[in-house]
Protein backbone atom coordinates (compact mmCIF):
# COMPACT_ATOMS: atom_id res chain seq x y z
CA MET A 1 32.25 73.91 59.45
CA LYS A 2 33.37 73.82 55.57
CA GLU A 3 36.53 73.59 56.46
CA PHE A 4 35.93 70.78 58.62
CA LEU A 5 33.55 68.52 56.20
CA ASP A 6 35.86 69.66 53.11
CA TYR A 7 38.86 68.71 54.85
CA GLN A 8 40.97 65.98 52.69
CA ILE A 9 41.45 63.00 54.46
CA PHE A 10 43.71 61.33 51.89
CA LYS A 11 44.31 61.29 48.41
CA ILE A 12 45.39 59.35 46.17
CA GLY A 13 46.19 60.51 42.23
CA LYS A 14 42.95 61.95 41.05
CA ILE A 15 41.17 59.58 43.68
CA THR A 16 40.22 61.75 47.16
CA LEU A 17 38.75 61.10 50.44
CA GLU A 18 37.34 64.30 52.46
CA VAL A 19 35.06 64.30 55.73
CA ASN A 20 31.60 64.99 53.84
CA GLN A 21 32.19 62.28 51.36
CA LEU A 22 33.16 60.18 54.46
CA LEU A 23 29.93 61.15 56.96
CA LEU A 24 28.00 59.79 53.09
CA LEU A 25 29.53 56.89 52.82
CA ILE A 26 28.45 56.53 56.88
CA VAL A 27 25.26 57.39 55.81
CA PHE A 28 24.75 55.17 52.66
CA ALA A 29 26.20 52.15 54.41
CA ILE A 30 22.68 52.89 57.17
CA VAL A 31 20.71 53.42 55.04
CA ILE A 32 21.34 49.90 53.18
CA LYS A 33 21.25 48.03 56.02
CA TYR A 34 18.13 49.08 56.98
CA LEU A 35 16.66 49.00 53.84
CA LEU A 36 17.71 45.11 53.46
CA ALA A 37 16.16 44.57 57.21
CA PHE A 38 12.93 46.25 56.14
CA ILE A 39 12.97 44.12 52.63
CA LYS A 40 13.75 40.77 54.77
CA LYS A 41 10.96 41.63 56.99
CA ILE A 42 8.44 42.15 54.15
CA ILE A 43 8.94 39.21 52.30
CA TYR A 44 9.77 36.80 55.04
CA ARG A 45 5.89 38.44 56.70
CA ASN A 46 4.62 36.23 53.52
CA LYS A 47 2.71 33.81 54.35
CA LYS A 48 1.47 32.50 51.11
CA LEU A 49 5.79 31.32 50.46
CA ASP A 50 7.82 28.63 52.13
CA GLY A 51 10.36 29.16 53.54
CA SER A 52 13.24 28.13 51.30
CA LYS A 53 11.11 30.31 48.25
CA LYS A 54 11.78 33.39 51.09
CA TYR A 55 14.91 33.05 51.17
CA THR A 56 16.09 32.82 47.56
CA ILE A 57 13.94 36.18 47.02
CA TYR A 58 15.65 37.96 50.13
CA ALA A 59 20.09 36.22 48.87
CA LEU A 60 19.27 37.51 45.33
CA ILE A 61 17.69 40.88 46.17
CA LYS A 62 20.37 41.50 48.50
CA TYR A 63 23.58 40.63 46.13
CA ILE A 64 21.41 42.78 43.78
CA ILE A 65 21.49 45.56 46.35
CA TYR A 66 25.07 45.29 47.13
CA ILE A 67 26.44 45.37 43.78
CA LEU A 68 24.14 48.41 42.96
CA ALA A 69 25.61 49.65 46.81
CA ILE A 70 29.60 49.22 45.25
CA ILE A 71 29.12 51.20 42.31
CA GLY A 72 27.40 53.99 44.62
CA CYS A 73 30.74 53.92 47.19
CA PHE A 74 32.55 54.38 43.84
CA ASP A 75 30.87 57.39 42.63
CA ILE A 76 30.61 59.44 45.99
CA ILE A 77 33.88 58.91 46.17
CA GLY A 78 34.04 60.32 42.37
CA ILE A 79 35.39 57.34 40.79
CA ASN A 80 33.54 56.50 37.16
CA ILE A 81 33.57 52.58 36.98
CA SER A 82 33.50 52.75 33.48
CA ILE A 83 36.68 54.08 32.95
CA PHE A 84 38.21 52.45 36.11
CA LEU A 85 36.89 48.54 34.22
CA ALA A 86 37.93 50.19 30.57
CA GLY A 87 41.45 50.67 32.05
CA SER A 88 41.87 47.77 34.44
CA ALA A 89 40.59 45.36 32.18
CA ALA A 90 43.88 43.42 30.71
CA LEU A 91 43.68 42.88 34.63
CA LEU A 92 40.39 41.47 34.99
CA VAL A 93 41.36 39.27 32.48
CA GLY A 94 44.52 37.95 34.18
CA ILE A 95 42.53 38.10 37.99
CA GLY A 96 40.14 36.18 35.94
CA LEU A 97 42.39 33.04 34.52
CA GLY A 98 43.57 33.15 37.56
CA LEU A 99 40.53 32.59 39.27
CA GLN A 100 37.93 31.19 37.20
CA ASN A 101 37.63 28.28 40.03
CA LEU A 102 36.32 31.08 42.58
CA PHE A 103 34.09 32.44 39.57
CA SER A 104 32.66 29.13 38.24
CA ASP A 105 31.37 29.22 42.32
CA PHE A 106 29.51 33.00 42.27
CA ILE A 107 27.80 31.15 38.74
CA SER A 108 27.79 28.44 40.67
CA GLY A 109 25.55 29.78 43.06
CA ILE A 110 23.15 31.97 41.32
CA ILE A 111 22.17 28.89 38.80
CA LEU A 112 21.49 27.32 42.65
CA LEU A 113 19.60 30.05 44.01
CA VAL A 114 17.80 30.90 40.39
CA ASP A 115 16.66 26.95 39.33
CA ARG A 116 15.97 25.69 43.01
CA THR A 117 17.01 22.96 42.20
CA ILE A 118 17.81 22.47 46.01
CA LYS A 119 16.67 24.43 48.21
CA ILE A 120 17.05 25.09 52.44
CA ASP A 121 16.02 22.39 54.07
CA ASP A 122 16.35 20.14 51.93
CA ILE A 123 17.99 16.11 52.72
CA ILE A 124 20.96 15.79 49.75
CA GLU A 125 23.51 12.87 49.19
CA VAL A 126 26.28 14.18 48.17
CA ASN A 127 30.05 12.02 47.17
CA GLY A 128 28.15 10.27 49.53
CA MET A 129 27.44 12.29 52.24
CA VAL A 130 23.56 12.46 54.01
CA CYS A 131 23.00 16.36 54.81
CA LYS A 132 20.67 18.95 54.96
CA VAL A 133 21.39 22.38 53.59
CA LYS A 134 21.33 25.07 55.57
CA GLU A 135 22.91 28.24 53.18
CA ILE A 136 23.96 28.53 50.33
CA ASN A 137 25.70 31.65 49.59
CA LEU A 138 27.11 32.88 46.13
CA ARG A 139 30.32 31.17 46.70
CA THR A 140 29.75 28.34 48.61
CA THR A 141 27.02 26.12 51.25
CA THR A 142 26.89 25.00 53.92
CA VAL A 143 25.06 21.67 55.39
CA LEU A 144 24.96 19.73 58.26
CA THR A 145 25.81 16.12 58.23
CA ARG A 146 24.17 13.70 60.60
CA ASP A 147 26.57 13.92 63.13
CA GLN A 148 25.80 17.11 63.15
CA ARG A 149 28.94 18.58 61.33
CA ASN A 150 28.74 21.46 59.38
CA ILE A 151 30.28 21.27 55.87
CA ILE A 152 31.44 23.62 53.72
CA LEU A 153 30.97 22.95 49.93
CA PRO A 154 31.60 24.82 47.24
CA ASN A 155 28.76 25.55 44.66
CA THR A 156 30.24 23.62 41.70
CA GLU A 157 29.72 20.37 43.88
CA LEU A 158 26.07 20.88 43.67
CA THR A 159 25.99 21.42 39.96
CA LYS A 160 28.51 19.45 38.71
CA ASN A 161 28.48 16.29 40.09
CA TYR A 162 26.56 13.65 40.54
CA LEU A 163 23.52 14.14 43.80
CA ILE A 164 19.99 12.83 45.27
CA ASN A 165 18.12 15.70 46.49
CA TRP A 166 15.74 13.17 48.40
CA THR A 167 13.17 16.15 49.28
CA HIS A 168 13.18 17.56 45.50
CA THR A 169 9.02 16.46 45.00
CA ASP A 170 7.98 14.54 47.62
CA GLU A 171 8.76 14.85 51.18
CA LEU A 172 8.30 11.22 51.94
CA ALA A 173 10.91 8.96 50.76
CA ARG A 174 10.84 5.28 50.56
CA PHE A 175 13.84 3.19 52.90
CA ASP A 176 14.18 -0.69 53.63
CA VAL A 177 15.72 -3.17 56.46
CA LYS A 178 17.27 -6.40 54.98
CA ILE A 179 17.73 -9.37 57.48
CA GLY A 180 18.16 -12.75 56.64
CA ILE A 181 16.39 -15.28 57.94
CA GLY A 182 16.67 -19.18 58.29
CA TYR A 183 15.66 -21.63 55.29
CA GLY A 184 13.63 -23.50 57.93
CA ALA A 185 11.82 -20.64 59.53
CA ASP A 186 8.18 -19.83 58.60
CA ILE A 187 8.50 -16.56 55.96
CA ASP A 188 5.18 -15.87 56.33
CA LEU A 189 4.99 -15.44 60.02
CA ALA A 190 8.64 -13.46 59.28
CA MET A 191 7.41 -10.76 56.47
CA GLN A 192 4.28 -9.68 59.51
CA ILE A 193 6.57 -9.37 62.20
CA MET A 194 8.61 -6.83 60.08
CA GLU A 195 5.87 -5.12 58.75
CA ASN A 196 4.41 -4.86 62.12
CA ALA A 197 7.42 -3.10 63.19
CA ALA A 198 7.30 -0.89 60.68
CA GLN A 199 3.80 0.45 61.73
CA ARG A 200 4.60 0.23 65.03
CA ASP A 201 7.44 3.17 64.27
CA PRO A 202 6.23 6.80 65.01
CA LYS A 203 8.51 8.23 62.16
CA VAL A 204 7.10 5.65 59.39
CA SER A 205 4.24 6.42 57.00
CA ILE A 206 0.64 5.90 58.12
CA ASP A 207 -0.58 6.87 54.45
CA GLU A 208 1.74 4.85 53.01
CA LYS A 209 1.87 0.75 54.10
CA PRO A 210 4.49 -0.47 54.35
CA PHE A 211 5.41 -3.86 52.61
CA CYS A 212 7.71 -7.33 52.84
CA ARG A 213 9.80 -8.60 49.69
CA LEU A 214 11.62 -11.50 50.10
CA GLU A 215 15.08 -10.43 48.25
CA ASP A 216 17.52 -13.76 47.64
CA PHE A 217 18.15 -16.99 48.50
CA GLY A 218 21.96 -16.17 50.78
CA ASP A 219 24.12 -18.95 51.20
CA SER A 220 22.95 -19.27 54.68
CA ALA A 221 19.72 -17.74 54.81
CA VAL A 222 16.79 -16.29 53.26
CA ILE A 223 17.37 -12.45 52.47
CA VAL A 224 13.67 -10.79 53.12
CA ALA A 225 13.24 -6.42 53.47
CA VAL A 226 10.71 -4.18 54.67
CA TYR A 227 10.17 -1.43 52.94
CA PHE A 228 9.12 1.91 54.15
CA TRP A 229 8.07 5.77 53.84
CA THR A 230 9.32 8.62 56.49
CA PRO A 231 9.29 12.38 56.43
CA ASP A 232 12.54 11.94 58.64
CA ILE A 233 14.47 11.19 56.32
CA PHE A 234 17.76 13.12 57.96
CA ALA A 235 17.47 10.76 61.31
CA VAL A 236 16.71 7.90 59.27
CA GLU A 237 18.70 5.86 60.54
CA ASN A 238 17.39 6.17 63.55
CA THR A 239 14.22 4.80 62.65
CA LYS A 240 15.97 1.96 60.70
CA SER A 241 17.53 0.87 64.36
CA ARG A 242 14.08 0.56 66.31
CA ILE A 243 12.84 -1.21 63.71
CA ARG A 244 15.51 -3.70 63.70
CA GLN A 245 15.50 -3.71 67.41
CA GLU A 246 11.15 -4.44 67.76
CA ILE A 247 11.79 -7.39 64.92
CA PHE A 248 14.31 -8.93 66.76
CA LYS A 249 12.44 -8.91 69.59
CA TRP A 250 10.21 -10.64 68.06
CA PHE A 251 11.81 -13.02 66.10
CA LYS A 252 13.31 -14.41 69.60
CA SER A 253 9.81 -14.70 71.23
CA GLY A 254 8.13 -15.85 67.90
CA GLY A 255 11.51 -18.91 67.35
CA ILE A 256 12.34 -17.36 64.44
CA ASP A 257 16.37 -17.61 64.11
CA ILE A 258 18.83 -15.44 62.17
CA PRO A 259 21.28 -17.50 61.23
CA TYR A 260 25.58 -16.95 61.35
CA PRO A 261 26.93 -17.70 58.37
CA GLN A 262 27.80 -21.03 58.09
CA ARG A 263 30.94 -22.48 56.28
CA VAL A 264 31.59 -26.14 55.52
CA MET A 265 35.14 -27.22 55.57
CA HIS A 266 36.39 -30.58 54.44
CA LEU A 267 39.70 -32.45 55.20
CA ARG A 268 41.69 -34.25 53.26
CA GLU A 269 43.34 -37.61 54.91
CA ASP A 270 46.51 -38.36 53.75
CA LYS A 271 47.23 -42.66 53.26
CA GLU A 272 50.36 -43.52 54.24
CA SER A 273 51.78 -46.07 51.59
């Protein structure tokens, strides 16, 4: 048995891997797996933390354990990590220069997990794209767009660029629907219809009352906007569509017209001399 456990699988320079070391590595990996599962179970069982905080805490602990596990694996197979790093300093500098963008993504991932300006299930707008945060990893963040596409963004895209976090401090956000109304229409009636249409929508918040505002005098119409608050930020375009349909229906029954763009054309007549 001892001869079997001491059997040398391979040798590279001074580094050897024996059967007993391989078995120890396998046991070590299994222990790490069940340890992470146990930690995750404890964290996600806590009812005082919301989902995003649970994810952040678990992710940080997981990466720390991974780093310690790698160091432990080196120790099991007899590699002195300090000597290894010292001997590879020049190589690591060269690799670092070549992979500086990758390292920047890693640092950005740690920043996102620690300062929590962006959390799981947040609705963000980056590069003109509105999306929901599904997963934050050390190098990349996975987001879901409104057309149900999963996009993987480098973390530096979220830390270096300007972005909007619609749910950073409040679950409600304000949106508007703008409509052009004919100059001869009853503006007060039109505003009342628009406010009622927004109030009746099931996704519009009842805590904040919708209101109308006369935005501008256009070339062909008076521009009126109705403002409303909703917690359904990710699917707000569907809410806007329902409000527009309701407004259009009541405008028709109330005799309020939505004019076409008008252009005046002047024709010049050439007189024969």
